[in-house]
Amino acid sequence: MVLNAGGMPVLSVSGLVKRYRTGTLANDGISVVLRPGEIYGLLGPNGAGKTTLVRQVLGVLRPTAGTITLDGRDIVADPGFARKNIGFLPQGQFDLMTLRVGELIEYSARLRGVEPRAARLRRDELVGQLDLGPFASTSMHSASGGVRRLAGFAAAIAAPARLLVLDEPTNDVDPIRRQLLWNAIGELGEQGATVLLVTHNLAEAERFIDRLAIIDGGRIVREGTPGSLRSLVTEKLRLEAILRGDVSPHPALVAEAMSPGRYLFEQRDLPAVSAWLSAAREAGLLTDFRIGPPTLDDIYAAVVAPPRELEAAS
């Protein structure tokens, strides 16, 4: 990615608070800075405050307190500037569903100031890049969910934008075209685009993200590079086990059970865990297992919902 750490931030959010009339505190003092060419991941469970943050960045929801600037421009005071200069792929339904796939991409470019001939060329480029040729004449209304996501992504990037906000861009997309989409996101970063990426698919997104923030309860609870967050669990290993029946895990696994059959454990406990796995296999209670380094998914799950907290709440 083309990062410019010393230049003016593309997006700066400081002390952002949003309290709804019901009293719900959706964002509680969020501060983030995105630099030119940076792909910034935003992660968190449902209800964590991600959607509220995105809506405020887009200028469609006014914060209770705090500031948001895009290229130094106050978009709380001037939300129209945000809408003109941010490319957006929403998670759910979007406008212009009566258009064909190719038309959506072309008209999205023209609506944001691209000349007609350049808009057509950009349409053809994106149709080829994302393998949308077979669906270019398909109406958005009748297209599959995956094709709609790809077409919406193409529409979001059809015209130059100071910031791209992509909300779960790979939902419903088939594996082959999903990789094409991730490659396109990576190329955007290489070309200097700034991307705010909301995703749950850490396994795929990890190699494209420069920095990421984990948001929970309206606050950022962890922020850093994928490598820096992975360092939180450098002394641990990940176990995935397919077990039969009611099997009690080894005590070394209980403290950090991420989900049934998925655990983190200390490297020093590897001999004991291996012995437990061998005994379970001999008893016919273990179908398969895999041990490896922790993933960002494990870090995310541990930070957002530690097992001991889940047990206390149940």
C-alpha atoms as a PDB file:
ATOM      1  CA  MET A   1       0.000   0.000   0.000  1.00  0.00           C
ATOM      2  CA  VAL A   2       1.086   3.575  -0.628  1.00  0.00           C
ATOM      3  CA  LEU A   3       1.085   5.045   2.869  1.00  0.00           C
ATOM      4  CA  ASN A   4       1.911   8.693   3.492  1.00  0.00           C
ATOM      5  CA  ALA A   5       2.383   8.807   7.256  1.00  0.00           C
ATOM      6  CA  GLY A   6       3.519  12.427   7.225  1.00  0.00           C
ATOM      7  CA  GLY A   7       0.735  13.875   5.047  1.00  0.00           C
ATOM      8  CA  MET A   8      -2.677  15.193   5.978  1.00  0.00           C
ATOM      9  CA  PRO A   9      -5.060  12.398   7.010  1.00  0.00           C
ATOM     10  CA  VAL A  10      -7.753  11.529   4.506  1.00  0.00           C
ATOM     11  CA  LEU A  11     -10.174  10.775   7.340  1.00  0.00           C
ATOM     12  CA  SER A  12      -9.867  11.958  10.925  1.00  0.00           C
ATOM     13  CA  VAL A  13     -12.425  11.003  13.577  1.00  0.00           C
ATOM     14  CA  SER A  14     -11.913  12.430  17.080  1.00  0.00           C
ATOM     15  CA  GLY A  15     -13.907  11.830  20.260  1.00  0.00           C
ATOM     16  CA  LEU A  16     -16.961  10.660  18.334  1.00  0.00           C
ATOM     17  CA  VAL A  17     -20.065  10.067  20.441  1.00  0.00           C
ATOM     18  CA  LYS A  18     -23.539   9.111  19.279  1.00  0.00           C
ATOM     19  CA  ARG A  19     -26.374   8.771  21.754  1.00  0.00           C
ATOM     20  CA  TYR A  20     -29.813   8.081  20.328  1.00  0.00           C
ATOM     21  CA  ARG A  21     -33.000   9.596  21.725  1.00  0.00           C
ATOM     22  CA  THR A  22     -33.781   6.250  23.342  1.00  0.00           C
ATOM     23  CA  GLY A  23     -30.676   6.709  25.477  1.00  0.00           C
ATOM     24  CA  THR A  24     -28.653   4.048  23.633  1.00  0.00           C
ATOM     25  CA  LEU A  25     -24.977   4.977  23.462  1.00  0.00           C
ATOM     26  CA  ALA A  26     -23.895   3.634  20.052  1.00  0.00           C
ATOM     27  CA  ASN A  27     -20.449   5.292  19.829  1.00  0.00           C
ATOM     28  CA  ASP A  28     -18.500   6.270  22.929  1.00  0.00           C
ATOM     29  CA  GLY A  29     -15.448   8.413  22.241  1.00  0.00           C
ATOM     30  CA  ILE A  30     -14.170   6.823  19.020  1.00  0.00           C
ATOM     31  CA  SER A  31     -11.007   8.278  17.459  1.00  0.00           C
ATOM     32  CA  VAL A  32      -9.388   6.974  14.257  1.00  0.00           C
ATOM     33  CA  VAL A  33      -7.098   8.397  11.577  1.00  0.00           C
ATOM     34  CA  LEU A  34      -6.780   7.016   8.032  1.00  0.00           C
ATOM     35  CA  ARG A  35      -3.799   8.002   5.884  1.00  0.00           C
ATOM     36  CA  PRO A  36      -3.563   8.167   2.067  1.00  0.00           C
ATOM     37  CA  GLY A  37      -3.264   4.690   0.571  1.00  0.00           C
ATOM     38  CA  GLU A  38      -4.240   2.914   3.782  1.00  0.00           C
ATOM     39  CA  ILE A  39      -6.626  -0.025   3.968  1.00  0.00           C
ATOM     40  CA  TYR A  40      -8.125   0.130   7.444  1.00  0.00           C
ATOM     41  CA  GLY A  41     -10.211  -2.759   8.754  1.00  0.00           C
ATOM     42  CA  LEU A  42     -13.111  -2.213  11.149  1.00  0.00           C
ATOM     43  CA  LEU A  43     -14.199  -5.314  13.042  1.00  0.00           C
ATOM     44  CA  GLY A  44     -16.810  -5.978  15.672  1.00  0.00           C
ATOM     45  CA  PRO A  45     -19.921  -7.988  16.510  1.00  0.00           C
ATOM     46  CA  ASN A  46     -23.443  -6.955  15.587  1.00  0.00           C
ATOM     47  CA  GLY A  47     -24.506  -3.971  17.664  1.00  0.00           C
ATOM     48  CA  ALA A  48     -20.918  -2.908  18.375  1.00  0.00           C
ATOM     49  CA  GLY A  49     -21.362   0.508  16.777  1.00  0.00           C
ATOM     50  CA  LYS A  50     -19.816  -0.087  13.337  1.00  0.00           C
ATOM     51  CA  THR A  51     -22.881   0.883  11.308  1.00  0.00           C
ATOM     52  CA  THR A  52     -23.438   4.026  13.371  1.00  0.00           C
ATOM     53  CA  LEU A  53     -19.807   5.038  12.832  1.00  0.00           C
ATOM     54  CA  VAL A  54     -20.052   4.427   9.076  1.00  0.00           C
ATOM     55  CA  ARG A  55     -23.277   6.446   8.776  1.00  0.00           C
ATOM     56  CA  GLN A  56     -21.639   9.388  10.529  1.00  0.00           C
ATOM     57  CA  VAL A  57     -18.576   9.201   8.273  1.00  0.00           C
ATOM     58  CA  LEU A  58     -20.903   9.226   5.251  1.00  0.00           C
ATOM     59  CA  GLY A  59     -22.611  12.354   6.525  1.00  0.00           C
ATOM     60  CA  VAL A  60     -26.067  10.779   6.859  1.00  0.00           C
ATOM     61  CA  LEU A  61     -26.129  10.713  10.676  1.00  0.00           C
ATOM     62  CA  ARG A  62     -25.120  13.614  12.891  1.00  0.00           C
ATOM     63  CA  PRO A  63     -22.958  12.774  15.929  1.00  0.00           C
ATOM     64  CA  THR A  64     -23.856  13.868  19.437  1.00  0.00           C
ATOM     65  CA  ALA A  65     -20.271  15.024  20.010  1.00  0.00           C
ATOM     66  CA  GLY A  66     -16.862  14.837  18.372  1.00  0.00           C
ATOM     67  CA  THR A  67     -15.422  15.789  14.995  1.00  0.00           C
ATOM     68  CA  ILE A  68     -15.078  14.137  11.576  1.00  0.00           C
ATOM     69  CA  THR A  69     -12.938  15.624   8.819  1.00  0.00           C
ATOM     70  CA  LEU A  70     -12.349  14.435   5.263  1.00  0.00           C
ATOM     71  CA  ASP A  71      -9.223  15.978   3.743  1.00  0.00           C
ATOM     72  CA  GLY A  72      -9.383  18.520   6.549  1.00  0.00           C
ATOM     73  CA  ARG A  73     -12.993  19.481   5.730  1.00  0.00           C
ATOM     74  CA  ASP A  74     -15.531  19.327   8.564  1.00  0.00           C
ATOM     75  CA  ILE A  75     -18.149  16.892   7.265  1.00  0.00           C
ATOM     76  CA  VAL A  76     -20.369  17.264  10.311  1.00  0.00           C
ATOM     77  CA  ALA A  77     -20.888  20.883   9.243  1.00  0.00           C
ATOM     78  CA  ASP A  78     -20.840  19.991   5.522  1.00  0.00           C
ATOM     79  CA  PRO A  79     -22.236  16.444   5.063  1.00  0.00           C
ATOM     80  CA  GLY A  80     -22.713  17.062   1.346  1.00  0.00           C
ATOM     81  CA  PHE A  81     -18.923  17.095   0.927  1.00  0.00           C
ATOM     82  CA  ALA A  82     -18.759  13.576   2.340  1.00  0.00           C
ATOM     83  CA  ARG A  83     -21.477  12.256   0.033  1.00  0.00           C
ATOM     84  CA  LYS A  84     -19.704  13.710  -3.029  1.00  0.00           C
ATOM     85  CA  ASN A  85     -16.248  12.426  -2.133  1.00  0.00           C
ATOM     86  CA  ILE A  86     -16.825   8.982  -0.588  1.00  0.00           C
ATOM     87  CA  GLY A  87     -17.479   5.818  -2.578  1.00  0.00           C
ATOM     88  CA  PHE A  88     -19.773   3.514  -0.606  1.00  0.00           C
ATOM     89  CA  LEU A  89     -20.813  -0.111  -0.796  1.00  0.00           C
ATOM     90  CA  PRO A  90     -23.579  -0.734   1.758  1.00  0.00           C
ATOM     91  CA  GLN A  91     -24.061  -4.103   3.397  1.00  0.00           C
ATOM     92  CA  GLY A  92     -27.730  -4.366   2.483  1.00  0.00           C
ATOM     93  CA  GLN A  93     -29.958  -3.164  -0.321  1.00  0.00           C
ATOM     94  CA  PHE A  94     -28.868  -0.207  -2.436  1.00  0.00           C
ATOM     95  CA  ASP A  95     -30.425   2.135  -4.991  1.00  0.00           C
ATOM     96  CA  LEU A  96     -30.784   1.840  -8.773  1.00  0.00           C
ATOM     97  CA  MET A  97     -32.011  -1.776  -8.678  1.00  0.00           C
ATOM     98  CA  THR A  98     -33.938  -1.256 -11.922  1.00  0.00           C
ATOM     99  CA  LEU A  99     -30.697  -0.889 -13.888  1.00  0.00           C
ATOM    100  CA  ARG A 100     -28.685  -3.619 -15.545  1.00  0.00           C
ATOM    101  CA  VAL A 101     -25.325  -4.525 -14.023  1.00  0.00           C
ATOM    102  CA  GLY A 102     -23.317  -2.686 -16.676  1.00  0.00           C
ATOM    103  CA  GLU A 103     -25.618   0.324 -16.500  1.00  0.00           C
ATOM    104  CA  LEU A 104     -25.257   0.551 -12.723  1.00  0.00           C
ATOM    105  CA  ILE A 105     -21.479   0.761 -13.015  1.00  0.00           C
ATOM    106  CA  GLU A 106     -21.521   3.289 -15.858  1.00  0.00           C
ATOM    107  CA  TYR A 107     -24.208   5.546 -14.380  1.00  0.00           C
ATOM    108  CA  SER A 108     -22.554   5.482 -10.955  1.00  0.00           C
ATOM    109  CA  ALA A 109     -19.410   6.869 -12.569  1.00  0.00           C
ATOM    110  CA  ARG A 110     -21.359   9.525 -14.484  1.00  0.00           C
ATOM    111  CA  LEU A 111     -23.315  10.602 -11.393  1.00  0.00           C
ATOM    112  CA  ARG A 112     -19.986  11.403  -9.768  1.00  0.00           C
ATOM    113  CA  GLY A 113     -18.707  13.544 -12.608  1.00  0.00           C
ATOM    114  CA  VAL A 114     -16.972  11.101 -14.970  1.00  0.00           C
ATOM    115  CA  GLU A 115     -17.386  11.999 -18.655  1.00  0.00           C
ATOM    116  CA  PRO A 116     -19.626   9.586 -20.660  1.00  0.00           C
ATOM    117  CA  ARG A 117     -16.857   8.001 -22.741  1.00  0.00           C
ATOM    118  CA  ALA A 118     -14.574   7.557 -19.711  1.00  0.00           C
ATOM    119  CA  ALA A 119     -17.499   6.096 -17.751  1.00  0.00           C
ATOM    120  CA  ARG A 120     -18.073   3.480 -20.442  1.00  0.00           C
ATOM    121  CA  LEU A 121     -14.392   2.583 -20.502  1.00  0.00           C
ATOM    122  CA  ARG A 122     -14.354   2.273 -16.717  1.00  0.00           C
ATOM    123  CA  ARG A 123     -17.477   0.085 -16.874  1.00  0.00           C
ATOM    124  CA  ASP A 124     -15.819  -2.272 -19.343  1.00  0.00           C
ATOM    125  CA  GLU A 125     -12.625  -2.365 -17.284  1.00  0.00           C
ATOM    126  CA  LEU A 126     -14.442  -3.327 -14.090  1.00  0.00           C
ATOM    127  CA  VAL A 127     -16.717  -5.857 -15.816  1.00  0.00           C
ATOM    128  CA  GLY A 128     -13.606  -7.623 -17.066  1.00  0.00           C
ATOM    129  CA  GLN A 129     -11.642  -7.311 -13.823  1.00  0.00           C
ATOM    130  CA  LEU A 130     -14.450  -8.811 -11.721  1.00  0.00           C
ATOM    131  CA  ASP A 131     -15.574 -11.404 -14.299  1.00  0.00           C
ATOM    132  CA  LEU A 132     -19.002  -9.806 -14.631  1.00  0.00           C
ATOM    133  CA  GLY A 133     -19.182 -10.210 -18.411  1.00  0.00           C
ATOM    134  CA  PRO A 134     -21.896 -12.922 -18.312  1.00  0.00           C
ATOM    135  CA  PHE A 135     -24.069 -10.641 -16.159  1.00  0.00           C
ATOM    136  CA  ALA A 136     -23.464  -7.212 -17.698  1.00  0.00           C
ATOM    137  CA  SER A 137     -26.963  -7.173 -19.250  1.00  0.00           C
ATOM    138  CA  THR A 138     -28.678  -8.789 -16.244  1.00  0.00           C
ATOM    139  CA  SER A 139     -30.980  -6.521 -14.272  1.00  0.00           C
ATOM    140  CA  MET A 140     -29.877  -5.852 -10.708  1.00  0.00           C
ATOM    141  CA  HIS A 141     -33.335  -6.883  -9.520  1.00  0.00           C
ATOM    142  CA  SER A 142     -33.027 -10.396 -10.941  1.00  0.00           C
ATOM    143  CA  ALA A 143     -29.279 -10.896 -10.319  1.00  0.00           C
ATOM    144  CA  SER A 144     -28.038 -13.218  -7.589  1.00  0.00           C
ATOM    145  CA  GLY A 145     -26.861 -11.804  -4.266  1.00  0.00           C
ATOM    146  CA  GLY A 146     -23.225 -12.360  -5.174  1.00  0.00           C
ATOM    147  CA  VAL A 147     -23.533 -10.578  -8.525  1.00  0.00           C
ATOM    148  CA  ARG A 148     -25.289  -7.676  -6.817  1.00  0.00           C
ATOM    149  CA  ARG A 149     -22.416  -7.363  -4.332  1.00  0.00           C
ATOM    150  CA  LEU A 150     -19.826  -7.359  -7.108  1.00  0.00           C
ATOM    151  CA  ALA A 151     -21.805  -4.858  -9.162  1.00  0.00           C
ATOM    152  CA  GLY A 152     -22.252  -2.648  -6.091  1.00  0.00           C
ATOM    153  CA  PHE A 153     -18.529  -2.824  -5.405  1.00  0.00           C
ATOM    154  CA  ALA A 154     -17.767  -1.887  -9.014  1.00  0.00           C
ATOM    155  CA  ALA A 155     -20.215   1.018  -8.769  1.00  0.00           C
ATOM    156  CA  ALA A 156     -18.523   2.241  -5.574  1.00  0.00           C
ATOM    157  CA  ILE A 157     -15.097   2.352  -7.222  1.00  0.00           C
ATOM    158  CA  ALA A 158     -16.235   3.412 -10.705  1.00  0.00           C
ATOM    159  CA  ALA A 159     -15.225   7.037 -10.077  1.00  0.00           C
ATOM    160  CA  PRO A 160     -12.237   8.394  -8.162  1.00  0.00           C
ATOM    161  CA  ALA A 161     -13.022   9.000  -4.485  1.00  0.00           C
ATOM    162  CA  ARG A 162     -11.052  10.384  -1.573  1.00  0.00           C
ATOM    163  CA  LEU A 163     -12.320   7.563   0.613  1.00  0.00           C
ATOM    164  CA  LEU A 164     -13.940   4.199  -0.078  1.00  0.00           C
ATOM    165  CA  VAL A 165     -16.207   2.683   2.563  1.00  0.00           C
ATOM    166  CA  LEU A 166     -16.864  -0.996   1.899  1.00  0.00           C
ATOM    167  CA  ASP A 167     -19.306  -2.763   4.232  1.00  0.00           C
ATOM    168  CA  GLU A 168     -18.908  -6.563   4.060  1.00  0.00           C
ATOM    169  CA  PRO A 169     -17.953  -6.475   0.354  1.00  0.00           C
ATOM    170  CA  THR A 170     -17.637 -10.258  -0.105  1.00  0.00           C
ATOM    171  CA  ASN A 171     -21.031 -11.311   1.297  1.00  0.00           C
ATOM    172  CA  ASP A 172     -22.678 -13.915  -1.003  1.00  0.00           C
ATOM    173  CA  VAL A 173     -19.827 -13.731  -3.554  1.00  0.00           C
ATOM    174  CA  ASP A 174     -18.590 -17.074  -4.922  1.00  0.00           C
ATOM    175  CA  PRO A 175     -15.009 -18.096  -3.997  1.00  0.00           C
ATOM    176  CA  ILE A 176     -13.442 -17.358  -7.400  1.00  0.00           C
ATOM    177  CA  ARG A 177     -14.929 -13.890  -7.831  1.00  0.00           C
ATOM    178  CA  ARG A 178     -14.345 -13.188  -4.124  1.00  0.00           C
ATOM    179  CA  GLN A 179     -10.626 -13.483  -4.765  1.00  0.00           C
ATOM    180  CA  LEU A 180     -10.944 -11.134  -7.742  1.00  0.00           C
ATOM    181  CA  LEU A 181     -12.662  -8.637  -5.456  1.00  0.00           C
ATOM    182  CA  TRP A 182      -9.921  -8.864  -2.805  1.00  0.00           C
ATOM    183  CA  ASN A 183      -7.292  -8.424  -5.506  1.00  0.00           C
ATOM    184  CA  ALA A 184      -9.113  -5.303  -6.692  1.00  0.00           C
ATOM    185  CA  ILE A 185      -9.132  -3.923  -3.137  1.00  0.00           C
ATOM    186  CA  GLY A 186      -5.405  -4.600  -2.855  1.00  0.00           C
ATOM    187  CA  GLU A 187      -4.778  -2.794  -6.145  1.00  0.00           C
ATOM    188  CA  LEU A 188      -6.777   0.198  -4.925  1.00  0.00           C
ATOM    189  CA  GLY A 189      -4.446   0.474  -1.955  1.00  0.00           C
ATOM    190  CA  GLU A 190      -1.393   0.174  -4.184  1.00  0.00           C
ATOM    191  CA  GLN A 191      -2.757   3.006  -6.319  1.00  0.00           C
ATOM    192  CA  GLY A 192      -3.085   5.263  -3.275  1.00  0.00           C
ATOM    193  CA  ALA A 193      -6.786   4.863  -2.463  1.00  0.00           C
ATOM    194  CA  THR A 194      -7.853   5.028   1.186  1.00  0.00           C
ATOM    195  CA  VAL A 195     -10.280   2.300   2.202  1.00  0.00           C
ATOM    196  CA  LEU A 196     -12.390   1.794   5.312  1.00  0.00           C
ATOM    197  CA  LEU A 197     -13.256  -1.890   5.214  1.00  0.00           C
ATOM    198  CA  VAL A 198     -15.949  -3.379   7.447  1.00  0.00           C
ATOM    199  CA  THR A 199     -15.622  -7.162   7.386  1.00  0.00           C
ATOM    200  CA  HIS A 200     -15.945 -10.352   9.387  1.00  0.00           C
ATOM    201  CA  ASN A 201     -13.868 -12.348   6.899  1.00  0.00           C
ATOM    202  CA  LEU A 202     -10.501 -11.898   8.586  1.00  0.00           C
ATOM    203  CA  ALA A 203      -8.946 -14.971   7.032  1.00  0.00           C
ATOM    204  CA  GLU A 204      -9.225 -13.392   3.568  1.00  0.00           C
ATOM    205  CA  ALA A 205      -8.885  -9.719   4.489  1.00  0.00           C
ATOM    206  CA  GLU A 206      -5.773 -10.093   6.648  1.00  0.00           C
ATOM    207  CA  ARG A 207      -3.214  -9.888   3.866  1.00  0.00           C
ATOM    208  CA  PHE A 208      -4.711  -6.666   2.481  1.00  0.00           C
ATOM    209  CA  ILE A 209      -5.283  -4.721   5.704  1.00  0.00           C
ATOM    210  CA  ASP A 210      -2.631  -2.233   6.870  1.00  0.00           C
ATOM    211  CA  ARG A 211      -4.232  -1.538  10.241  1.00  0.00           C
ATOM    212  CA  LEU A 212      -7.395  -2.635  11.944  1.00  0.00           C
ATOM    213  CA  ALA A 213      -9.553  -1.697  14.880  1.00  0.00           C
ATOM    214  CA  ILE A 214     -11.772  -3.971  16.932  1.00  0.00           C
ATOM    215  CA  ILE A 215     -14.861  -2.129  18.118  1.00  0.00           C
ATOM    216  CA  ASP A 216     -17.133  -3.378  20.878  1.00  0.00           C
ATOM    217  CA  GLY A 217     -19.697  -1.607  23.009  1.00  0.00           C
ATOM    218  CA  GLY A 218     -19.243   1.565  20.979  1.00  0.00           C
ATOM    219  CA  ARG A 219     -15.524   1.791  21.780  1.00  0.00           C
ATOM    220  CA  ILE A 220     -12.322   0.766  20.033  1.00  0.00           C
ATOM    221  CA  VAL A 221     -10.912  -1.942  22.280  1.00  0.00           C
ATOM    222  CA  ARG A 222      -7.854  -2.813  20.157  1.00  0.00           C
ATOM    223  CA  GLU A 223      -6.102  -1.127  17.231  1.00  0.00           C
ATOM    224  CA  GLY A 224      -2.924  -1.905  15.339  1.00  0.00           C
ATOM    225  CA  THR A 225      -1.359  -3.760  12.439  1.00  0.00           C
ATOM    226  CA  PRO A 226      -2.285  -7.416  11.934  1.00  0.00           C
ATOM    227  CA  GLY A 227       1.223  -8.307  13.131  1.00  0.00           C
ATOM    228  CA  SER A 228       0.985  -6.243  16.299  1.00  0.00           C
ATOM    229  CA  LEU A 229      -2.345  -7.805  17.229  1.00  0.00           C
ATOM    230  CA  ARG A 230      -1.040 -11.257  16.470  1.00  0.00           C
ATOM    231  CA  SER A 231       1.772 -10.569  18.938  1.00  0.00           C
ATOM    232  CA  LEU A 232      -0.853 -10.690  21.700  1.00  0.00           C
ATOM    233  CA  VAL A 233      -0.905 -14.461  21.300  1.00  0.00           C
ATOM    234  CA  THR A 234       2.639 -15.271  20.131  1.00  0.00           C
ATOM    235  CA  GLU A 235       3.106 -17.780  22.955  1.00  0.00           C
ATOM    236  CA  LYS A 236      -0.048 -19.700  22.095  1.00  0.00           C
ATOM    237  CA  LEU A 237      -1.198 -22.359  19.667  1.00  0.00           C
ATOM    238  CA  ARG A 238      -4.566 -22.995  18.072  1.00  0.00           C
ATOM    239  CA  LEU A 239      -6.316 -26.374  18.196  1.00  0.00           C
ATOM    240  CA  GLU A 240      -9.235 -27.387  16.012  1.00  0.00           C
ATOM    241  CA  ALA A 241     -10.642 -30.774  16.985  1.00  0.00           C
ATOM    242  CA  ILE A 242     -13.614 -32.778  15.720  1.00  0.00           C
ATOM    243  CA  LEU A 243     -14.829 -34.736  18.719  1.00  0.00           C
ATOM    244  CA  ARG A 244     -17.541 -37.343  19.136  1.00  0.00           C
ATOM    245  CA  GLY A 245     -19.916 -37.345  22.055  1.00  0.00           C
ATOM    246  CA  ASP A 246     -19.505 -35.455  25.293  1.00  0.00           C
ATOM    247  CA  VAL A 247     -15.756 -35.074  25.735  1.00  0.00           C
ATOM    248  CA  SER A 248     -14.290 -32.914  28.480  1.00  0.00           C
ATOM    249  CA  PRO A 249     -11.378 -30.863  27.123  1.00  0.00           C
ATOM    250  CA  HIS A 250      -7.999 -30.966  28.781  1.00  0.00           C
ATOM    251  CA  PRO A 251      -7.727 -28.367  31.588  1.00  0.00           C
ATOM    252  CA  ALA A 252      -5.126 -26.449  29.531  1.00  0.00           C
ATOM    253  CA  LEU A 253      -7.811 -25.826  26.921  1.00  0.00           C
ATOM    254  CA  VAL A 254     -10.696 -24.737  29.116  1.00  0.00           C
ATOM    255  CA  ALA A 255      -9.540 -21.169  29.819  1.00  0.00           C
ATOM    256  CA  GLU A 256      -9.543 -20.154  26.153  1.00  0.00           C
ATOM    257  CA  ALA A 257     -12.191 -22.244  24.452  1.00  0.00           C
ATOM    258  CA  MET A 258     -13.094 -20.036  21.467  1.00  0.00           C
ATOM    259  CA  SER A 259     -16.025 -22.211  20.381  1.00  0.00           C
ATOM    260  CA  PRO A 260     -16.884 -25.943  20.512  1.00  0.00           C
ATOM    261  CA  GLY A 261     -13.837 -27.780  19.182  1.00  0.00           C
ATOM    262  CA  ARG A 262     -11.691 -24.637  18.821  1.00  0.00           C
ATOM    263  CA  TYR A 263      -9.170 -23.645  21.489  1.00  0.00           C
ATOM    264  CA  LEU A 264      -6.087 -21.556  22.189  1.00  0.00           C
ATOM    265  CA  PHE A 265      -3.490 -22.911  24.579  1.00  0.00           C
ATOM    266  CA  GLU A 266       0.010 -22.100  25.798  1.00  0.00           C
ATOM    267  CA  GLN A 267       2.897 -23.622  23.836  1.00  0.00           C
ATOM    268  CA  ARG A 268       4.284 -25.091  27.042  1.00  0.00           C
ATOM    269  CA  ASP A 269       1.128 -27.227  27.328  1.00  0.00           C
ATOM    270  CA  LEU A 270       1.643 -28.881  23.933  1.00  0.00           C
ATOM    271  CA  PRO A 271       2.880 -32.238  25.387  1.00  0.00           C
ATOM    272  CA  ALA A 272      -0.121 -32.494  27.716  1.00  0.00           C
ATOM    273  CA  VAL A 273      -2.590 -31.528  24.988  1.00  0.00           C
ATOM    274  CA  SER A 274      -0.990 -34.032  22.576  1.00  0.00           C
ATOM    275  CA  ALA A 275      -1.362 -36.798  25.169  1.00  0.00           C
ATOM    276  CA  TRP A 276      -5.024 -35.865  25.677  1.00  0.00           C
ATOM    277  CA  LEU A 277      -5.613 -35.969  21.906  1.00  0.00           C
ATOM    278  CA  SER A 278      -3.960 -39.394  21.659  1.00  0.00           C
ATOM    279  CA  ALA A 279      -6.118 -40.750  24.474  1.00  0.00           C
ATOM    280  CA  ALA A 280      -9.273 -39.349  22.869  1.00  0.00           C
ATOM    281  CA  ARG A 281      -8.354 -40.934  19.527  1.00  0.00           C
ATOM    282  CA  GLU A 282      -7.682 -44.327  21.126  1.00  0.00           C
ATOM    283  CA  ALA A 283     -11.072 -44.120  22.847  1.00  0.00           C
ATOM    284  CA  GLY A 284     -12.757 -43.438  19.494  1.00  0.00           C
ATOM    285  CA  LEU A 285     -13.788 -39.935  20.567  1.00  0.00           C
ATOM    286  CA  LEU A 286     -11.583 -37.931  18.191  1.00  0.00           C
ATOM    287  CA  THR A 287     -12.254 -37.819  14.444  1.00  0.00           C
ATOM    288  CA  ASP A 288      -9.628 -35.295  13.378  1.00  0.00           C
ATOM    289  CA  PHE A 289      -7.578 -32.387  14.699  1.00  0.00           C
ATOM    290  CA  ARG A 290      -5.235 -29.635  13.577  1.00  0.00           C
ATOM    291  CA  ILE A 291      -2.732 -27.578  15.572  1.00  0.00           C
ATOM    292  CA  GLY A 292      -1.250 -24.349  14.248  1.00  0.00           C
ATOM    293  CA  PRO A 293      -0.561 -20.686  15.035  1.00  0.00           C
ATOM    294  CA  PRO A 294      -3.444 -18.423  16.111  1.00  0.00           C
ATOM    295  CA  THR A 295      -5.297 -16.425  13.484  1.00  0.00           C
ATOM    296  CA  LEU A 296      -6.710 -12.912  13.634  1.00  0.00           C
ATOM    297  CA  ASP A 297     -10.115 -14.541  14.025  1.00  0.00           C
ATOM    298  CA  ASP A 298      -8.911 -16.007  17.326  1.00  0.00           C
ATOM    299  CA  ILE A 299      -7.625 -12.636  18.496  1.00  0.00           C
ATOM    300  CA  TYR A 300     -10.888 -10.976  17.520  1.00  0.00           C
ATOM    301  CA  ALA A 301     -12.961 -13.572  19.369  1.00  0.00           C
ATOM    302  CA  ALA A 302     -10.751 -13.363  22.463  1.00  0.00           C
ATOM    303  CA  VAL A 303     -10.863  -9.562  22.593  1.00  0.00           C
ATOM    304  CA  VAL A 304     -14.581  -9.138  21.900  1.00  0.00           C
ATOM    305  CA  ALA A 305     -16.017 -12.045  23.868  1.00  0.00           C
ATOM    306  CA  PRO A 306     -13.640 -13.798  26.266  1.00  0.00           C
ATOM    307  CA  PRO A 307     -15.102 -17.191  27.217  1.00  0.00           C
ATOM    308  CA  ARG A 308     -15.106 -16.390  30.933  1.00  0.00           C
ATOM    309  CA  GLU A 309     -17.317 -13.364  30.261  1.00  0.00           C
ATOM    310  CA  LEU A 310     -19.700 -15.452  28.188  1.00  0.00           C
ATOM    311  CA  GLU A 311     -19.938 -18.008  30.971  1.00  0.00           C
ATOM    312  CA  ALA A 312     -20.609 -15.301  33.553  1.00  0.00           C
ATOM    313  CA  ALA A 313     -23.382 -13.843  31.408  1.00  0.00           C
ATOM    314  CA  SER A 314     -25.105 -17.157  30.764  1.00  0.00           C
END
